Amino acid sequence: MRRAATPLLIVAALALGGCAIEPWVAPYERANLSDPIMSFSRDPVSASYMNHVHEVREGARGAGSAGGGGCGCN
């Protein structure tokens, strides 16, 4: 019984030890991630507009970030 519990305790200790690491991104490094070159789209203004149009047309979904309903008013 003890031999079977030992590897289980070792694996549990390693798994819990992985939760104690520091955050991946330090606060002073977050400016690098907010750089426009890190965005997925080539034209962020156009992407923002198309996102707004999509949210206006699909206003009944309610899963977007824009305020207002399906009528286009904010």
C-alpha atoms as a PDB file:
ATOM      1  CA  MET A   1       0.000   0.000   0.000  1.00  0.00           C
ATOM      2  CA  ARG A   2       2.806   2.401   0.910  1.00  0.00           C
ATOM      3  CA  ARG A   3       4.706   1.692  -2.330  1.00  0.00           C
ATOM      4  CA  ALA A   4       1.642   2.557  -4.405  1.00  0.00           C
ATOM      5  CA  ALA A   5       1.026   5.817  -2.531  1.00  0.00           C
ATOM      6  CA  THR A   6       4.595   7.122  -2.810  1.00  0.00           C
ATOM      7  CA  PRO A   7       4.576   7.818  -6.593  1.00  0.00           C
ATOM      8  CA  LEU A   8       1.123   9.330  -6.261  1.00  0.00           C
ATOM      9  CA  LEU A   9       2.342  11.715  -3.563  1.00  0.00           C
ATOM     10  CA  ILE A  10       5.367  12.680  -5.650  1.00  0.00           C
ATOM     11  CA  VAL A  11       3.195  13.453  -8.673  1.00  0.00           C
ATOM     12  CA  ALA A  12       0.767  15.447  -6.517  1.00  0.00           C
ATOM     13  CA  ALA A  13       3.624  17.443  -4.966  1.00  0.00           C
ATOM     14  CA  LEU A  14       5.047  18.261  -8.408  1.00  0.00           C
ATOM     15  CA  ALA A  15       1.628  19.272  -9.710  1.00  0.00           C
ATOM     16  CA  LEU A  16       0.988  21.571  -6.760  1.00  0.00           C
ATOM     17  CA  GLY A  17       4.502  22.990  -7.027  1.00  0.00           C
ATOM     18  CA  GLY A  18       3.736  24.059 -10.600  1.00  0.00           C
ATOM     19  CA  CYS A  19       0.980  26.325  -9.307  1.00  0.00           C
ATOM     20  CA  ALA A  20       3.449  28.368  -7.267  1.00  0.00           C
ATOM     21  CA  ILE A  21       5.422  29.840 -10.168  1.00  0.00           C
ATOM     22  CA  GLU A  22       5.511  33.575 -10.834  1.00  0.00           C
ATOM     23  CA  PRO A  23       3.309  35.097 -13.551  1.00  0.00           C
ATOM     24  CA  TRP A  24       4.503  34.578 -17.103  1.00  0.00           C
ATOM     25  CA  VAL A  25       4.421  38.283 -17.946  1.00  0.00           C
ATOM     26  CA  ALA A  26       5.876  40.804 -15.556  1.00  0.00           C
ATOM     27  CA  PRO A  27       4.017  44.124 -15.169  1.00  0.00           C
ATOM     28  CA  TYR A  28       6.820  46.069 -16.844  1.00  0.00           C
ATOM     29  CA  GLU A  29       6.737  43.696 -19.862  1.00  0.00           C
ATOM     30  CA  ARG A  30       3.024  44.185 -20.576  1.00  0.00           C
ATOM     31  CA  ALA A  31       3.735  47.301 -22.627  1.00  0.00           C
ATOM     32  CA  ASN A  32       5.436  45.055 -25.185  1.00  0.00           C
ATOM     33  CA  LEU A  33       2.263  42.992 -25.564  1.00  0.00           C
ATOM     34  CA  SER A  34       0.062  46.047 -26.041  1.00  0.00           C
ATOM     35  CA  ASP A  35       2.215  47.228 -28.935  1.00  0.00           C
ATOM     36  CA  PRO A  36       0.130  47.518 -32.150  1.00  0.00           C
ATOM     37  CA  ILE A  37       2.534  45.202 -33.948  1.00  0.00           C
ATOM     38  CA  MET A  38       1.301  42.382 -31.688  1.00  0.00           C
ATOM     39  CA  SER A  39      -2.282  42.576 -33.018  1.00  0.00           C
ATOM     40  CA  PHE A  40      -3.638  39.906 -35.346  1.00  0.00           C
ATOM     41  CA  SER A  41      -5.030  42.307 -37.924  1.00  0.00           C
ATOM     42  CA  ARG A  42      -2.970  44.504 -40.207  1.00  0.00           C
ATOM     43  CA  ASP A  43      -5.383  47.424 -39.907  1.00  0.00           C
ATOM     44  CA  PRO A  44      -6.696  47.770 -36.343  1.00  0.00           C
ATOM     45  CA  VAL A  45      -9.081  50.639 -37.228  1.00  0.00           C
ATOM     46  CA  SER A  46     -10.729  48.588 -39.966  1.00  0.00           C
ATOM     47  CA  ALA A  47     -10.887  45.533 -37.690  1.00  0.00           C
ATOM     48  CA  SER A  48     -12.541  47.597 -34.952  1.00  0.00           C
ATOM     49  CA  TYR A  49     -15.114  48.913 -37.434  1.00  0.00           C
ATOM     50  CA  MET A  50     -15.873  45.448 -38.801  1.00  0.00           C
ATOM     51  CA  ASN A  51     -16.214  44.147 -35.251  1.00  0.00           C
ATOM     52  CA  HIS A  52     -18.718  46.925 -34.521  1.00  0.00           C
ATOM     53  CA  VAL A  53     -20.697  46.106 -37.682  1.00  0.00           C
ATOM     54  CA  HIS A  54     -20.767  42.436 -36.742  1.00  0.00           C
ATOM     55  CA  GLU A  55     -21.982  43.244 -33.230  1.00  0.00           C
ATOM     56  CA  VAL A  56     -24.714  45.517 -34.568  1.00  0.00           C
ATOM     57  CA  ARG A  57     -25.981  42.855 -36.940  1.00  0.00           C
ATOM     58  CA  GLU A  58     -25.742  40.109 -34.355  1.00  0.00           C
ATOM     59  CA  GLY A  59     -27.075  42.222 -31.466  1.00  0.00           C
ATOM     60  CA  ALA A  60     -29.313  39.437 -30.243  1.00  0.00           C
ATOM     61  CA  ARG A  61     -26.289  37.315 -29.373  1.00  0.00           C
ATOM     62  CA  GLY A  62     -24.982  39.650 -26.711  1.00  0.00           C
ATOM     63  CA  ALA A  63     -21.507  38.121 -26.609  1.00  0.00           C
ATOM     64  CA  GLY A  64     -19.580  41.131 -27.877  1.00  0.00           C
ATOM     65  CA  SER A  65     -17.906  44.005 -26.120  1.00  0.00           C
ATOM     66  CA  ALA A  66     -19.868  46.900 -27.644  1.00  0.00           C
ATOM     67  CA  GLY A  67     -22.682  48.502 -25.696  1.00  0.00           C
ATOM     68  CA  GLY A  68     -26.184  48.957 -26.994  1.00  0.00           C
ATOM     69  CA  GLY A  69     -28.595  46.689 -28.750  1.00  0.00           C
ATOM     70  CA  GLY A  70     -29.051  45.508 -32.315  1.00  0.00           C
ATOM     71  CA  CYS A  71     -30.249  48.947 -33.481  1.00  0.00           C
ATOM     72  CA  GLY A  72     -26.701  50.385 -33.730  1.00  0.00           C
ATOM     73  CA  CYS A  73     -27.087  52.944 -30.946  1.00  0.00           C
ATOM     74  CA  ASN A  74     -24.505  53.004 -28.201  1.00  0.00           C
END
